[in-house]
């Protein structure tokens, strides 16, 4: 009827559960804690709590809702769960969504870090291609499995569990000033 994939329109139980958004926020925060403690080796006294809270907020307000909605849209655009369907979804996910979302993520992170528009743009130009290439090393195999084996309502949670290392990388990358 021309209507998009709203709650309950795609499949039974396809609404984005609140817990999935909360999990996205918590795991973005966990990724930042890992970045600060294991990668940057700041120690507990040197931990920058506002940065962790910002990353949690980005997970709650951007990553969880946008990625969860994207999975509903993708399932609406390309229904089914065959191997061919999973490959088509990965091509659309990694060819269209990932490059756009990564740019938005870097822009939002820069803005929340107080960068000017010019400094934020320079940082995006500096980090974007490296982050995108790293994305392509990690996500296509994860997404093939996710789109083929995992029911729609659990995809965000699966991705966020796998993404704890990705979130650590993104936090480190986006917060290097």
Protein backbone atom coordinates (compact mmCIF):
# COMPACT_ATOMS: atom_id res chain seq x y z
CA UNK A 1 0.00 0.00 0.00
CA UNK A 2 2.99 2.32 -0.17
CA UNK A 3 3.41 2.36 3.60
CA UNK A 4 6.91 1.90 4.96
CA UNK A 5 8.04 -0.53 7.61
CA UNK A 6 6.37 0.75 10.74
CA UNK A 7 5.96 -1.19 13.96
CA UNK A 8 4.32 -4.53 13.34
CA UNK A 9 4.16 -4.04 9.58
CA UNK A 10 7.22 -6.07 8.66
CA UNK A 11 6.94 -9.16 10.80
CA UNK A 12 5.50 -10.11 14.12
CA UNK A 13 7.51 -8.44 16.89
CA UNK A 14 9.52 -6.21 14.56
CA UNK A 15 9.20 -3.04 16.63
CA UNK A 16 12.53 -1.88 17.94
CA UNK A 17 12.49 -2.99 21.57
CA UNK A 18 13.52 -0.43 24.17
CA UNK A 19 16.06 -2.87 25.56
CA UNK A 20 17.83 -2.97 22.18
CA UNK A 21 18.35 0.80 22.29
CA UNK A 22 19.52 0.57 25.92
CA UNK A 23 21.91 -2.23 24.98
CA UNK A 24 23.29 -0.08 22.15
CA UNK A 25 23.93 2.76 24.60
CA UNK A 26 25.49 0.50 27.20
CA UNK A 27 27.74 -1.21 24.67
CA UNK A 28 28.85 2.10 23.15
CA UNK A 29 29.81 3.13 26.67
CA UNK A 30 31.57 -0.19 27.26
CA UNK A 31 33.47 0.23 24.00
CA UNK A 32 34.65 3.64 25.17
CA UNK A 33 35.73 2.27 28.56
CA UNK A 34 37.73 -0.45 26.77
CA UNK A 35 39.25 2.16 24.43
CA UNK A 36 40.29 4.38 27.32
CA UNK A 37 41.54 1.61 29.59
CA UNK A 38 43.06 -1.00 27.27
CA UNK A 39 43.96 0.91 24.10
CA UNK A 40 44.83 4.34 25.49
CA UNK A 41 45.87 2.95 28.91
CA UNK A 42 44.55 5.97 30.79
CA UNK A 43 44.08 4.16 34.09
CA UNK A 44 41.09 4.71 36.36
CA UNK A 45 42.29 8.14 37.54
CA UNK A 46 42.77 9.28 33.95
CA UNK A 47 39.44 7.95 32.71
CA UNK A 48 37.39 10.68 31.03
CA UNK A 49 33.86 9.94 32.28
CA UNK A 50 32.16 12.69 30.23
CA UNK A 51 33.52 11.04 27.08
CA UNK A 52 32.03 7.69 28.14
CA UNK A 53 28.69 9.35 28.87
CA UNK A 54 28.77 11.08 25.46
CA UNK A 55 29.45 7.78 23.74
CA UNK A 56 26.58 6.17 25.67
CA UNK A 57 24.33 9.03 24.59
CA UNK A 58 25.36 8.57 20.96
CA UNK A 59 24.55 4.86 21.32
CA UNK A 60 21.15 5.62 22.84
CA UNK A 61 20.14 8.48 20.57
CA UNK A 62 21.83 7.66 17.26
CA UNK A 63 23.22 4.13 16.95
CA UNK A 64 20.38 2.17 18.56
CA UNK A 65 17.43 3.91 16.92
CA UNK A 66 19.03 4.44 13.49
CA UNK A 67 20.58 0.99 13.09
CA UNK A 68 17.49 -0.72 14.50
CA UNK A 69 15.24 1.21 12.11
CA UNK A 70 17.60 0.48 9.23
CA UNK A 71 17.20 -3.26 9.82
CA UNK A 72 13.41 -2.90 9.66
CA UNK A 73 13.69 -0.88 6.43
CA UNK A 74 16.15 -3.36 4.94
CA UNK A 75 13.85 -6.28 5.78
CA UNK A 76 10.98 -4.40 4.16
CA UNK A 77 13.02 -3.61 1.02
CA UNK A 78 14.48 -7.11 0.69
CA UNK A 79 12.23 -9.60 2.51
CA UNK A 80 13.26 -13.15 3.29
CA UNK A 81 16.23 -14.96 4.78
CA UNK A 82 17.78 -17.04 2.00
CA UNK A 83 21.50 -16.88 1.28
CA UNK A 84 20.88 -14.72 -1.79
CA UNK A 85 18.69 -12.35 0.23
CA UNK A 86 21.39 -12.13 2.94
CA UNK A 87 24.01 -11.22 0.32
CA UNK A 88 21.71 -8.56 -1.20
CA UNK A 89 21.12 -7.09 2.26
CA UNK A 90 24.86 -7.01 3.00
CA UNK A 91 25.54 -5.27 -0.32
CA UNK A 92 22.94 -2.60 0.47
CA UNK A 93 23.98 -2.39 4.13
CA UNK A 94 27.70 -2.07 3.42
CA UNK A 95 27.44 -0.21 0.11
CA UNK A 96 24.91 2.45 1.13
CA UNK A 97 24.13 2.48 4.84
CA UNK A 98 27.59 1.92 6.36
CA UNK A 99 29.37 4.73 4.48
CA UNK A 100 26.57 7.22 5.27
CA UNK A 101 26.15 6.16 8.88
CA UNK A 102 29.89 6.21 9.56
CA UNK A 103 30.11 9.80 8.28
CA UNK A 104 27.16 10.79 10.49
CA UNK A 105 28.70 9.04 13.49
CA UNK A 106 32.02 10.85 13.05
CA UNK A 107 30.24 14.19 12.57
CA UNK A 108 28.08 13.73 15.68
CA UNK A 109 31.07 12.64 17.75
CA UNK A 110 33.08 15.64 16.60
CA UNK A 111 30.19 17.97 17.38
CA UNK A 112 29.74 16.49 20.87
CA UNK A 113 33.47 16.96 21.41
CA UNK A 114 33.01 20.67 20.72
CA UNK A 115 34.85 20.82 17.40
CA UNK A 116 34.12 23.76 15.13
CA UNK A 117 32.51 22.93 11.79
CA UNK A 118 35.86 23.38 10.04
CA UNK A 119 37.77 21.25 12.58
CA UNK A 120 35.07 18.60 12.51
CA UNK A 121 35.19 18.43 8.70
CA UNK A 122 39.00 18.15 8.81
CA UNK A 123 38.76 15.33 11.38
CA UNK A 124 36.16 13.49 9.29
CA UNK A 125 38.41 13.79 6.23
CA UNK A 126 41.35 12.49 8.28
CA UNK A 127 39.52 9.49 9.82
CA UNK A 128 36.75 8.49 7.41
CA UNK A 129 38.54 6.30 4.85
CA UNK A 130 40.56 4.41 7.45
CA UNK A 131 37.43 3.78 9.51
CA UNK A 132 35.47 2.70 6.42
CA UNK A 133 38.20 0.26 5.33
CA UNK A 134 38.32 -1.16 8.86
CA UNK A 135 34.52 -1.47 8.72
CA UNK A 136 34.83 -3.54 5.54
CA UNK A 137 37.29 -5.91 7.23
CA UNK A 138 34.88 -6.61 10.09
CA UNK A 139 31.25 -6.22 9.10
CA UNK A 140 30.47 -8.09 5.85
CA UNK A 141 30.94 -11.59 7.35
CA UNK A 142 29.14 -10.59 10.54
CA UNK A 143 26.23 -9.18 8.56
CA UNK A 144 25.95 -12.22 6.27
CA UNK A 145 25.45 -14.37 9.37
CA UNK A 146 23.19 -11.77 10.99
CA UNK A 147 20.89 -11.43 7.98
CA UNK A 148 20.79 -15.16 7.27
CA UNK A 149 20.45 -16.68 10.76
CA UNK A 150 19.13 -14.01 13.14
CA UNK A 151 15.46 -12.93 13.36
CA UNK A 152 14.86 -9.24 12.66
CA UNK A 153 13.99 -8.33 16.25
CA UNK A 154 17.38 -9.63 17.50
CA UNK A 155 19.69 -8.22 14.81
CA UNK A 156 20.53 -4.97 16.59
CA UNK A 157 21.44 -6.84 19.77
CA UNK A 158 23.63 -9.32 17.88
CA UNK A 159 25.39 -6.54 16.03
CA UNK A 160 25.92 -4.56 19.23
CA UNK A 161 27.40 -7.60 20.98
CA UNK A 162 29.83 -8.11 18.12
CA UNK A 163 30.33 -4.36 17.96
CA UNK A 164 31.91 -3.99 21.37
CA UNK A 165 35.33 -4.21 19.67
CA UNK A 166 34.11 -2.01 16.80
CA UNK A 167 32.77 0.52 19.34
CA UNK A 168 36.15 0.49 21.08
CA UNK A 169 37.84 1.24 17.74
CA UNK A 170 35.31 3.95 16.83
CA UNK A 171 35.61 5.59 20.23
CA UNK A 172 39.38 5.63 19.98
CA UNK A 173 39.28 6.89 16.38
CA UNK A 174 36.60 9.52 16.91
CA UNK A 175 38.06 10.87 20.16
CA UNK A 176 41.68 11.23 19.03
CA UNK A 177 42.02 14.99 18.86
